Amino acid sequence: MTTLSAERRGATESDPLLSNIHHSNISHNTNDNDSKWWCWFVLFAFSLLSFSSALMWDTFAPCLYIFADYYFDGQVTTATINAINAMSLIYMLIYPLAVQPTLRFFEDKKDVPGSGLKRGILIGAFLNMLGGAIRWCGGAQDRYFVLLLGQTVAAVAQVFMLSIPPRLAGTWFPENQVNLSTSIGVSSNNLGVAAGSIWAPLAIQAATMTKDIPRLLFWQFLLCALALVLVYVSFSRRPGNHKTVSKNNGNTLTTTTTTATLAATSSKINAYDQAKVLWGHRSFFHMLFSYGVLNGGQCALVTLIAQILLPSFQNQADEGYVGWIGFMMLLAGIPASWMVGVYLDKTYQYRVTCNVLSILGSLSVAGIYIAIEFQCLPAVTFNCIIFGLASSAIIPAVFQYASELYYPIDENIPAGYLCTASNVSGVLLAAIMGWTENNRTEFTMRLPVLGLVLITFISNISMFRVKGPLKRHLESSSSQ
């Protein structure tokens, strides 16, 4: 079995497994049929938590001017608009800074698989609820800084969620359900962003904002409190109750098949040392760049979609249509993620899937550019949805691909750095594309979009260079 100590002696992702896991008799007190559905309850609780976090993140952008009017006595200026935008930006700024320090909270206790995951998610759920409560207390018009404090606490809470789906799936689910459960966990965050873009405009009206805003913040707090309760109840049990039967010298042995049990047999080291091992893999740098560009490109495109489309389609599209495109980009990725998860659970074709989705994302960005040049709004809409599909569906695929390539490193460690790359790339791409807008032409974002096309095609080369044996799958197969 490949151990982290072996990795530290110079092993690479292309090295074979060194030895097999030797299992002994394992007894479980939990009813097997009961455990089969309990893991889905755990996933539901976590998904609701991630959904509520994303919902709070995307509360303010859809009603930007109403919130600026509410909290700054009707003064809707560049400064007050930026102050409201800070509610969303704080999420993207905190994640890269906080991801490394939070890794240690997910370290398992010795011989207790899943204990670190439980601790980390409970911390995130509590901070999420606390942030929601502070935001609700900041619902009065003269409490902007209280609201900002609550949003900051909620942003810290999200650090305990974004990279967790592959770790949760590997801990609680059998190998043939790992990718689907990861896809569901990842897409719950996207669903929260999509829901946030709809809930706030429906719940808040300018004429009744003094009642609508505090009410919205209260209902979001209640959702966060419910998520905390469900997470606490669902994690009251231990994982690792999915069984298979194998033969050893004629004797029937019952063994667990969750990857958490496999990883527990490894010579585990702390999260910081695991991170050092991870950074020793050259292929991880290629994965970071390719994933960061594609997923960061989605963030930039959703952020700048109005600037990209409205000047070129002044008589065909308005803000409402642009908002609908952004919503559909996020929504299309949810069923696509689930389908990719089901496919990968059956085939384990991670490399092919990631390369196909990466290329599809690049082609769709090129399609957006060409469609704008030819003034074809339906084609723009179609390619935007395809790009949203590809850039969302690749998230769980890349997360689990990294878990396979760099096993037995904890799954949330590479996923955490991948999320960081996405956040940093999204901020940089949005800023650079916005700065290079040329208002003297009808297609004001021609150069920025062309630049996005170029860098996404370059990222395809990096994704193609990511390869290696699926270590976790090989080890799981050898143990059965």
Protein backbone atom coordinates (compact mmCIF):
# COMPACT_ATOMS: atom_id res chain seq x y z
CA MET A 1 0.00 0.00 0.00
CA THR A 2 1.35 3.43 -0.85
CA THR A 3 1.91 5.37 2.36
CA LEU A 4 2.60 9.02 2.91
CA SER A 5 6.03 8.14 4.26
CA ALA A 6 6.78 6.54 0.92
CA GLU A 7 5.58 9.66 -0.85
CA ARG A 8 7.97 11.71 1.24
CA ARG A 9 10.88 9.53 0.10
CA GLY A 10 10.24 10.60 -3.50
CA ALA A 11 7.30 8.54 -4.75
CA THR A 12 5.22 10.12 -7.48
CA GLU A 13 1.66 9.77 -8.64
CA SER A 14 2.79 7.21 -11.21
CA ASP A 15 4.26 4.84 -8.63
CA PRO A 16 2.47 1.51 -8.11
CA LEU A 17 0.90 0.53 -4.82
CA LEU A 18 3.52 -0.89 -2.50
CA SER A 19 1.44 -3.44 -0.70
CA ASN A 20 -2.11 -4.49 0.03
CA ILE A 21 -4.23 -3.79 3.06
CA HIS A 22 -4.66 -6.76 5.40
CA HIS A 23 -8.09 -6.88 6.98
CA SER A 24 -9.15 -8.65 10.11
CA ASN A 25 -12.61 -9.53 11.29
CA ILE A 26 -14.68 -6.37 11.81
CA SER A 27 -17.92 -6.31 13.73
CA HIS A 28 -20.56 -3.58 13.57
CA ASN A 29 -23.36 -2.79 15.95
CA THR A 30 -25.26 -0.72 13.43
CA ASN A 31 -27.86 -2.47 11.34
CA ASP A 32 -26.59 -2.73 7.75
CA ASN A 33 -29.90 -1.76 6.13
CA ASP A 34 -30.15 1.20 8.49
CA SER A 35 -26.65 2.42 7.58
CA LYS A 36 -27.44 2.32 3.86
CA TRP A 37 -29.94 5.13 4.17
CA TRP A 38 -28.23 6.99 7.02
CA CYS A 39 -25.37 8.04 4.74
CA TRP A 40 -27.93 9.75 2.50
CA PHE A 41 -29.32 11.57 5.53
CA VAL A 42 -25.78 12.76 6.28
CA LEU A 43 -25.44 13.97 2.68
CA PHE A 44 -28.81 15.76 2.86
CA ALA A 45 -27.81 17.54 6.07
CA PHE A 46 -24.50 18.65 4.61
CA SER A 47 -26.14 19.71 1.34
CA LEU A 48 -28.64 21.87 3.24
CA LEU A 49 -25.75 23.44 5.13
CA SER A 50 -23.83 24.20 1.94
CA PHE A 51 -27.05 25.47 0.30
CA SER A 52 -27.73 27.89 3.18
CA SER A 53 -24.15 29.19 3.05
CA ALA A 54 -24.31 29.90 -0.69
CA LEU A 55 -27.73 31.47 -0.24
CA MET A 56 -26.31 34.03 2.21
CA TRP A 57 -23.40 34.70 -0.13
CA ASP A 58 -25.70 35.63 -3.03
CA THR A 59 -28.32 37.59 -1.07
CA PHE A 60 -27.15 41.11 -1.87
CA ALA A 61 -26.02 41.22 -5.52
CA PRO A 62 -29.49 40.72 -7.08
CA CYS A 63 -30.92 43.69 -5.10
CA LEU A 64 -27.77 45.78 -5.01
CA TYR A 65 -29.37 49.23 -5.28
CA ILE A 66 -32.18 48.47 -2.81
CA PHE A 67 -29.67 47.38 -0.15
CA ALA A 68 -27.54 50.47 -0.81
CA ASP A 69 -30.63 52.66 -0.46
CA TYR A 70 -31.67 50.85 2.74
CA TYR A 71 -28.39 50.92 4.65
CA PHE A 72 -27.10 54.34 3.52
CA ASP A 73 -30.17 56.58 3.81
CA GLY A 74 -30.94 56.69 0.12
CA GLN A 75 -27.37 57.54 -0.93
CA VAL A 76 -26.77 55.23 -3.89
CA THR A 77 -23.23 56.13 -4.90
CA THR A 78 -20.20 54.24 -6.11
CA ALA A 79 -18.94 54.03 -2.52
CA THR A 80 -22.21 52.68 -1.09
CA ILE A 81 -22.60 50.21 -3.97
CA ASN A 82 -19.07 48.93 -3.32
CA ALA A 83 -19.94 48.64 0.36
CA ILE A 84 -22.80 46.29 -0.52
CA ASN A 85 -20.63 44.42 -3.03
CA ALA A 86 -18.24 43.79 -0.13
CA MET A 87 -20.84 41.39 1.28
CA SER A 88 -20.10 39.02 -1.61
CA LEU A 89 -16.41 39.78 -2.06
CA ILE A 90 -15.65 38.93 1.56
CA TYR A 91 -16.35 35.27 0.77
CA MET A 92 -13.82 35.20 -2.06
CA LEU A 93 -11.20 37.08 -0.02
CA ILE A 94 -11.43 34.99 3.15
CA TYR A 95 -11.33 31.53 1.56
CA PRO A 96 -7.73 31.64 0.22
CA LEU A 97 -6.52 33.05 3.55
CA ALA A 98 -8.37 30.62 5.80
CA VAL A 99 -8.20 27.31 3.94
CA GLN A 100 -4.72 26.30 5.17
CA PRO A 101 -5.30 27.04 8.89
CA THR A 102 -8.58 25.10 8.90
CA LEU A 103 -7.07 21.85 7.57
CA ARG A 104 -5.99 20.69 11.02
CA PHE A 105 -9.60 20.68 12.25
CA PHE A 106 -10.32 17.83 9.82
CA GLU A 107 -7.58 15.53 11.06
CA ASP A 108 -9.00 12.21 12.31
CA LYS A 109 -8.29 10.96 15.78
CA LYS A 110 -6.21 7.79 15.86
CA ASP A 111 -8.24 4.73 14.83
CA VAL A 112 -11.45 6.84 14.57
CA PRO A 113 -12.18 7.35 10.85
CA GLY A 114 -14.49 10.29 10.20
CA SER A 115 -13.87 12.05 13.53
CA GLY A 116 -12.06 14.97 11.88
CA LEU A 117 -14.78 15.32 9.27
CA LYS A 118 -17.44 15.48 11.98
CA ARG A 119 -15.50 18.07 13.95
CA GLY A 120 -14.84 20.28 10.93
CA ILE A 121 -18.39 20.23 9.60
CA LEU A 122 -19.88 20.90 13.04
CA ILE A 123 -17.60 23.92 13.42
CA GLY A 124 -18.69 25.14 9.99
CA ALA A 125 -22.37 24.58 10.77
CA PHE A 126 -22.10 26.46 14.07
CA LEU A 127 -20.26 29.41 12.47
CA ASN A 128 -22.80 29.43 9.65
CA MET A 129 -25.67 29.65 12.14
CA LEU A 130 -23.81 32.29 14.18
CA GLY A 131 -23.19 34.34 11.05
CA GLY A 132 -26.87 34.07 10.13
CA ALA A 133 -27.88 35.24 13.62
CA ILE A 134 -25.53 38.25 13.51
CA ARG A 135 -26.82 39.15 10.02
CA TRP A 136 -30.37 39.06 11.36
CA CYS A 137 -29.31 41.39 14.22
CA GLY A 138 -27.89 43.66 11.52
CA GLY A 139 -31.26 43.95 9.82
CA ALA A 140 -31.87 47.51 11.07
CA GLN A 141 -30.97 50.35 8.71
CA ASP A 142 -28.25 51.76 10.99
CA ARG A 143 -26.47 48.41 11.48
CA TYR A 144 -24.46 47.97 8.32
CA PHE A 145 -21.30 47.02 10.20
CA VAL A 146 -23.19 44.43 12.25
CA LEU A 147 -24.42 42.96 8.96
CA LEU A 148 -20.85 42.96 7.60
CA LEU A 149 -19.61 41.19 10.74
CA GLY A 150 -22.25 38.48 10.31
CA GLN A 151 -21.36 38.09 6.65
CA THR A 152 -17.69 37.76 7.58
CA VAL A 153 -18.44 34.99 10.11
CA ALA A 154 -20.56 33.22 7.49
CA ALA A 155 -17.68 33.55 5.00
CA VAL A 156 -15.32 31.85 7.48
CA ALA A 157 -17.92 29.09 7.89
CA GLN A 158 -17.88 28.42 4.16
CA VAL A 159 -14.20 27.44 4.38
CA PHE A 160 -15.39 24.37 6.32
CA MET A 161 -17.75 23.35 3.49
CA LEU A 162 -16.56 24.01 -0.08
CA SER A 163 -13.85 21.35 -0.22
CA ILE A 164 -15.69 18.76 1.88
CA PRO A 165 -17.90 16.81 -0.61
CA PRO A 166 -15.14 14.41 -1.77
CA ARG A 167 -14.04 13.78 1.83
CA LEU A 168 -17.63 13.21 2.99
CA ALA A 169 -18.32 10.88 0.08
CA GLY A 170 -15.14 8.90 0.69
CA THR A 171 -15.91 8.60 4.40
CA TRP A 172 -19.60 7.70 4.35
CA PHE A 173 -20.33 6.06 0.99
CA PRO A 174 -19.24 2.80 -0.64
CA GLU A 175 -16.94 3.09 -3.61
CA ASN A 176 -19.71 2.67 -6.20
CA GLN A 177 -21.52 5.77 -4.87
CA VAL A 178 -18.58 8.08 -4.14
CA ASN A 179 -18.81 10.15 -7.33
CA LEU A 180 -22.59 10.58 -7.29
CA SER A 181 -22.58 11.67 -3.64
CA THR A 182 -19.72 14.08 -4.36
CA SER A 183 -21.71 15.55 -7.26
CA ILE A 184 -24.77 16.06 -5.08
CA GLY A 185 -22.70 17.71 -2.34
CA VAL A 186 -20.99 20.05 -4.80
CA SER A 187 -24.15 20.98 -6.70
CA SER A 188 -25.98 21.94 -3.49
CA ASN A 189 -23.70 24.97 -3.27
CA ASN A 190 -24.44 25.94 -6.87
CA LEU A 191 -28.15 25.47 -6.19
CA GLY A 192 -27.84 27.86 -3.24
CA VAL A 193 -26.25 30.51 -5.45
CA ALA A 194 -28.98 30.05 -8.05
CA ALA A 195 -31.72 30.19 -5.40
CA GLY A 196 -30.18 33.32 -3.89
CA SER A 197 -30.41 35.11 -7.22
CA ILE A 198 -34.16 34.46 -7.22
CA TRP A 199 -35.20 34.60 -3.55
CA ALA A 200 -33.94 38.13 -2.79
CA PRO A 201 -35.67 39.84 -5.77
CA LEU A 202 -38.91 38.01 -4.98
CA ALA A 203 -38.78 38.80 -1.25
CA ILE A 204 -37.61 42.42 -1.35
CA GLN A 205 -39.39 45.38 -2.92
CA ALA A 206 -38.15 48.96 -2.76
CA ALA A 207 -41.46 50.25 -1.39
CA THR A 208 -41.51 47.77 1.51
CA MET A 209 -37.79 47.21 2.06
CA THR A 210 -37.91 48.25 5.75
CA LYS A 211 -39.98 45.14 6.46
CA ASP A 212 -38.75 42.87 3.69
CA ILE A 213 -35.01 42.97 4.45
CA PRO A 214 -35.21 42.08 8.19
CA ARG A 215 -37.75 39.35 7.34
CA LEU A 216 -35.46 37.84 4.69
CA LEU A 217 -32.48 37.83 7.05
CA PHE A 218 -34.59 36.16 9.73
CA TRP A 219 -35.74 33.34 7.44
CA GLN A 220 -32.16 32.76 6.29
CA PHE A 221 -31.08 32.52 9.94
CA LEU A 222 -33.78 29.91 10.58
CA LEU A 223 -32.54 27.88 7.61
CA CYS A 224 -28.99 28.00 9.01
CA ALA A 225 -30.26 26.89 12.44
CA LEU A 226 -32.13 23.97 10.85
CA ALA A 227 -28.99 22.95 8.97
CA LEU A 228 -27.00 22.95 12.23
CA VAL A 229 -29.56 20.71 13.94
CA LEU A 230 -29.63 18.23 11.04
CA VAL A 231 -25.83 18.13 10.83
CA TYR A 232 -25.57 17.45 14.57
CA VAL A 233 -28.14 14.63 14.41
CA SER A 234 -26.77 13.05 11.24
CA PHE A 235 -23.19 12.93 12.54
CA SER A 236 -24.25 11.33 15.80
CA ARG A 237 -23.29 8.00 14.21
CA ARG A 238 -19.94 6.81 12.98
CA PRO A 239 -19.29 6.11 9.28
CA GLY A 240 -17.86 2.96 7.75
CA ASN A 241 -20.83 0.58 7.87
CA HIS A 242 -20.94 -0.41 4.19
CA LYS A 243 -19.94 -4.06 3.97
CA THR A 244 -18.75 -6.52 1.44
CA VAL A 245 -18.02 -10.20 1.92
CA SER A 246 -14.67 -11.69 0.97
CA LYS A 247 -13.02 -15.09 1.38
CA ASN A 248 -9.80 -15.84 3.22
CA ASN A 249 -8.71 -19.48 3.43
CA GLY A 250 -12.32 -20.54 3.16
CA ASN A 251 -13.50 -18.27 5.94
CA THR A 252 -16.01 -15.55 5.29
CA LEU A 253 -14.85 -12.11 6.38
CA THR A 254 -16.96 -8.98 6.57
CA THR A 255 -14.96 -5.88 5.64
CA THR A 256 -15.82 -2.27 5.16
CA THR A 257 -15.36 -0.68 1.76
CA THR A 258 -15.51 3.02 2.50
CA THR A 259 -12.32 4.81 1.58
CA ALA A 260 -12.18 6.22 5.11
CA THR A 261 -11.52 2.72 6.42
CA LEU A 262 -8.83 2.18 3.81
CA ALA A 263 -7.17 5.50 4.60
CA ALA A 264 -7.25 4.73 8.32
CA THR A 265 -4.84 1.88 7.73
CA SER A 266 -2.29 4.24 6.20
CA SER A 267 0.54 5.81 8.15
CA LYS A 268 -1.34 9.11 8.42
CA ILE A 269 0.48 12.34 9.20
CA ASN A 270 -0.91 15.73 10.03
CA ALA A 271 -2.65 17.89 7.46
CA TYR A 272 0.24 20.30 6.99
CA ASP A 273 2.67 17.49 6.19
CA GLN A 274 0.14 15.93 3.84
CA ALA A 275 -0.09 19.28 2.06
CA LYS A 276 3.70 19.30 1.63
CA VAL A 277 3.51 15.87 0.03
CA LEU A 278 0.73 17.06 -2.28
CA TRP A 279 2.79 20.02 -3.50
CA GLY A 280 5.51 17.55 -4.50
CA HIS A 281 3.35 16.30 -7.38
CA ARG A 282 3.91 18.23 -10.60
CA SER A 283 0.60 17.06 -12.01
CA PHE A 284 -1.22 18.88 -9.21
CA PHE A 285 0.07 22.22 -10.50
CA HIS A 286 -1.38 21.41 -13.92
CA MET A 287 -4.67 20.44 -12.32
CA LEU A 288 -4.76 23.67 -10.28
CA PHE A 289 -4.18 25.84 -13.33
CA SER A 290 -6.67 24.08 -15.59
CA TYR A 291 -9.42 23.84 -12.98
CA GLY A 292 -8.80 27.38 -11.73
CA VAL A 293 -9.12 28.84 -15.22
CA LEU A 294 -12.30 26.96 -16.13
CA ASN A 295 -14.15 27.42 -12.84
CA GLY A 296 -12.76 30.91 -12.29
CA GLY A 297 -13.88 31.71 -15.83
CA GLN A 298 -17.41 30.77 -14.81
CA CYS A 299 -17.26 33.21 -11.89
CA ALA A 300 -15.91 35.96 -14.15
CA LEU A 301 -18.48 35.31 -16.86
CA VAL A 302 -21.41 35.33 -14.43
CA THR A 303 -20.07 38.54 -12.87
CA LEU A 304 -19.52 40.36 -16.17
CA ILE A 305 -22.32 38.90 -18.27
CA ALA A 306 -24.22 42.21 -18.37
CA GLN A 307 -21.12 44.12 -19.54
CA ILE A 308 -20.45 41.47 -22.16
CA LEU A 309 -23.94 41.27 -23.65
CA LEU A 310 -25.92 44.46 -23.12
CA PRO A 311 -23.82 46.86 -25.25
CA SER A 312 -23.92 44.44 -28.19
CA PHE A 313 -27.61 43.53 -27.84
CA GLN A 314 -29.18 46.80 -26.71
CA ASN A 315 -32.43 46.15 -28.58
CA GLN A 316 -32.65 42.43 -27.87
CA ALA A 317 -31.68 41.90 -24.22
CA ASP A 318 -32.17 43.68 -20.90
CA GLU A 319 -31.04 43.09 -17.31
CA GLY A 320 -33.83 40.58 -16.76
CA TYR A 321 -32.73 38.44 -19.69
CA VAL A 322 -29.09 38.64 -18.59
CA GLY A 323 -30.11 37.52 -15.08
CA TRP A 324 -31.99 34.59 -16.57
CA ILE A 325 -28.87 33.53 -18.52
CA GLY A 326 -26.78 33.59 -15.34
CA PHE A 327 -29.40 31.54 -13.51
CA MET A 328 -29.56 28.96 -16.30
CA MET A 329 -25.76 28.67 -16.42
CA LEU A 330 -25.75 27.61 -12.77
CA LEU A 331 -28.88 25.47 -12.97
CA ALA A 332 -27.71 23.49 -16.02
CA GLY A 333 -24.65 22.31 -14.14
CA ILE A 334 -26.63 20.54 -11.42
CA PRO A 335 -28.13 17.61 -13.40
CA ALA A 336 -24.94 17.49 -15.46
CA SER A 337 -22.89 17.01 -12.26
CA TRP A 338 -25.17 14.19 -11.15
CA MET A 339 -24.93 12.42 -14.51
CA VAL A 340 -21.14 12.73 -14.49
CA GLY A 341 -21.11 11.26 -10.98
CA VAL A 342 -23.18 8.24 -12.02
CA TYR A 343 -20.95 7.72 -15.08
CA LEU A 344 -17.73 7.88 -13.06
CA ASP A 345 -19.07 5.47 -10.42
CA LYS A 346 -19.51 2.91 -13.21
CA THR A 347 -16.43 3.57 -15.35
CA TYR A 348 -13.77 5.45 -13.31
CA GLN A 349 -12.86 7.31 -16.51
CA TYR A 350 -11.70 10.42 -14.66
CA ARG A 351 -9.03 11.54 -17.10
CA VAL A 352 -11.23 11.24 -20.16
CA THR A 353 -14.16 12.95 -18.43
CA CYS A 354 -12.09 15.88 -17.15
CA ASN A 355 -10.46 16.41 -20.55
CA VAL A 356 -13.78 16.27 -22.41
CA LEU A 357 -15.42 18.75 -20.04
CA SER A 358 -12.38 21.05 -20.19
CA ILE A 359 -12.44 21.07 -23.99
CA LEU A 360 -16.22 21.54 -24.03
CA GLY A 361 -15.82 24.57 -21.76
CA SER A 362 -13.22 26.11 -24.08
CA LEU A 363 -15.33 25.50 -27.19
CA SER A 364 -18.39 27.06 -25.56
CA VAL A 365 -16.44 30.21 -24.62
CA ALA A 366 -15.26 30.43 -28.22
CA GLY A 367 -18.89 29.94 -29.28
CA ILE A 368 -19.96 32.86 -27.07
CA TYR A 369 -17.40 35.13 -28.73
CA ILE A 370 -18.35 34.09 -32.27
CA ALA A 371 -22.08 34.42 -31.56
CA ILE A 372 -21.62 37.96 -30.22
CA GLU A 373 -19.61 38.94 -33.30
CA PHE A 374 -22.45 37.66 -35.52
CA GLN A 375 -25.13 39.26 -33.30
CA CYS A 376 -26.90 35.94 -32.65
CA LEU A 377 -28.41 36.12 -29.16
CA PRO A 378 -29.91 32.58 -29.15
CA ALA A 379 -26.45 31.16 -29.94
CA VAL A 380 -24.94 33.24 -27.14
CA THR A 381 -27.54 31.89 -24.73
CA PHE A 382 -26.95 28.30 -25.84
CA ASN A 383 -23.17 28.55 -25.45
CA CYS A 384 -23.48 30.24 -22.05
CA ILE A 385 -25.59 27.33 -20.81
CA ILE A 386 -23.13 24.79 -22.26
CA PHE A 387 -20.26 26.60 -20.54
CA GLY A 388 -22.16 26.57 -17.25
CA LEU A 389 -22.80 22.86 -17.71
CA ALA A 390 -19.15 22.03 -18.42
CA SER A 391 -17.63 24.29 -15.74
CA SER A 392 -20.00 22.96 -13.06
CA ALA A 393 -19.89 19.27 -14.00
CA ILE A 394 -16.09 19.25 -13.92
CA ILE A 395 -16.00 20.26 -10.22
CA PRO A 396 -16.88 16.87 -8.66
CA ALA A 397 -14.96 15.05 -11.41
CA VAL A 398 -11.74 16.95 -10.65
CA PHE A 399 -12.25 16.66 -6.88
CA GLN A 400 -12.48 12.87 -7.06
CA TYR A 401 -9.76 12.61 -9.70
CA ALA A 402 -7.43 14.37 -7.26
CA SER A 403 -8.58 12.06 -4.46
CA GLU A 404 -7.64 9.06 -6.61
CA LEU A 405 -4.29 10.37 -7.86
CA TYR A 406 -2.99 11.61 -4.51
CA TYR A 407 -4.44 8.97 -2.18
CA PRO A 408 -3.99 8.48 0.79
CA ILE A 409 -3.86 12.27 1.26
CA ASP A 410 -7.16 13.41 2.80
CA GLU A 411 -9.62 14.31 0.06
CA ASN A 412 -10.43 17.77 1.38
CA ILE A 413 -6.79 18.93 1.12
CA PRO A 414 -6.42 18.94 -2.70
CA ALA A 415 -10.07 20.03 -2.99
CA GLY A 416 -9.36 22.98 -0.70
CA TYR A 417 -6.49 24.17 -2.86
CA LEU A 418 -8.56 23.65 -6.00
CA CYS A 419 -11.29 25.88 -4.54
CA THR A 420 -8.64 28.46 -3.69
CA ALA A 421 -7.36 28.42 -7.26
CA SER A 422 -10.91 28.90 -8.50
CA ASN A 423 -11.54 31.87 -6.18
CA VAL A 424 -8.25 33.60 -6.97
CA SER A 425 -8.64 32.97 -10.70
CA GLY A 426 -12.23 34.27 -10.63
CA VAL A 427 -11.20 37.52 -8.94
CA LEU A 428 -8.23 38.06 -11.26
CA LEU A 429 -10.12 37.25 -14.45
CA ALA A 430 -13.08 39.45 -13.51
CA ALA A 431 -10.77 42.34 -12.59
CA ILE A 432 -8.57 42.09 -15.70
CA MET A 433 -11.52 41.64 -18.03
CA GLY A 434 -13.30 44.61 -16.48
CA TRP A 435 -10.22 46.83 -16.71
CA THR A 436 -9.65 46.02 -20.39
CA GLU A 437 -13.19 46.92 -21.51
CA ASN A 438 -13.22 49.31 -24.48
CA ASN A 439 -16.28 51.57 -24.37
CA ARG A 440 -15.47 53.08 -27.77
CA THR A 441 -16.71 49.99 -29.63
CA GLU A 442 -20.09 48.29 -29.77
CA PHE A 443 -18.63 44.99 -28.59
CA THR A 444 -16.95 46.58 -25.58
CA MET A 445 -15.65 43.29 -24.17
CA ARG A 446 -14.14 41.94 -27.40
CA LEU A 447 -10.55 41.85 -26.15
CA PRO A 448 -11.40 40.45 -22.68
CA VAL A 449 -13.56 37.66 -24.13
CA LEU A 450 -10.87 36.80 -26.67
CA GLY A 451 -8.39 36.62 -23.81
CA LEU A 452 -10.72 34.26 -21.92
CA VAL A 453 -11.00 32.06 -25.03
CA LEU A 454 -7.21 31.89 -25.32
CA ILE A 455 -6.51 31.07 -21.68
CA THR A 456 -9.20 28.36 -21.52
CA PHE A 457 -7.67 26.61 -24.53
CA ILE A 458 -4.23 26.83 -22.89
CA SER A 459 -5.74 25.29 -19.76
CA ASN A 460 -6.77 22.27 -21.86
CA ILE A 461 -3.07 21.47 -22.33
CA SER A 462 -2.54 21.45 -18.57
CA MET A 463 -5.51 19.18 -17.98
CA PHE A 464 -4.22 16.76 -20.61
CA ARG A 465 -0.93 16.49 -18.68
CA VAL A 466 -2.70 15.33 -15.51
CA LYS A 467 -2.45 11.54 -15.34
CA GLY A 468 -1.51 8.64 -13.12
CA PRO A 469 -2.92 5.45 -11.55
CA LEU A 470 -6.16 5.60 -9.59
CA LYS A 471 -4.53 4.61 -6.31
CA ARG A 472 -7.62 4.62 -4.12
CA HIS A 473 -9.59 2.47 -6.55
CA LEU A 474 -6.69 0.04 -6.96
CA GLU A 475 -6.31 -0.30 -3.21
CA SER A 476 -10.03 -0.74 -2.67
CA SER A 477 -10.12 -3.45 -5.35
CA SER A 478 -7.16 -5.28 -3.85
CA SER A 479 -8.82 -5.33 -0.42
CA GLN A 480 -11.98 -7.10 -1.59
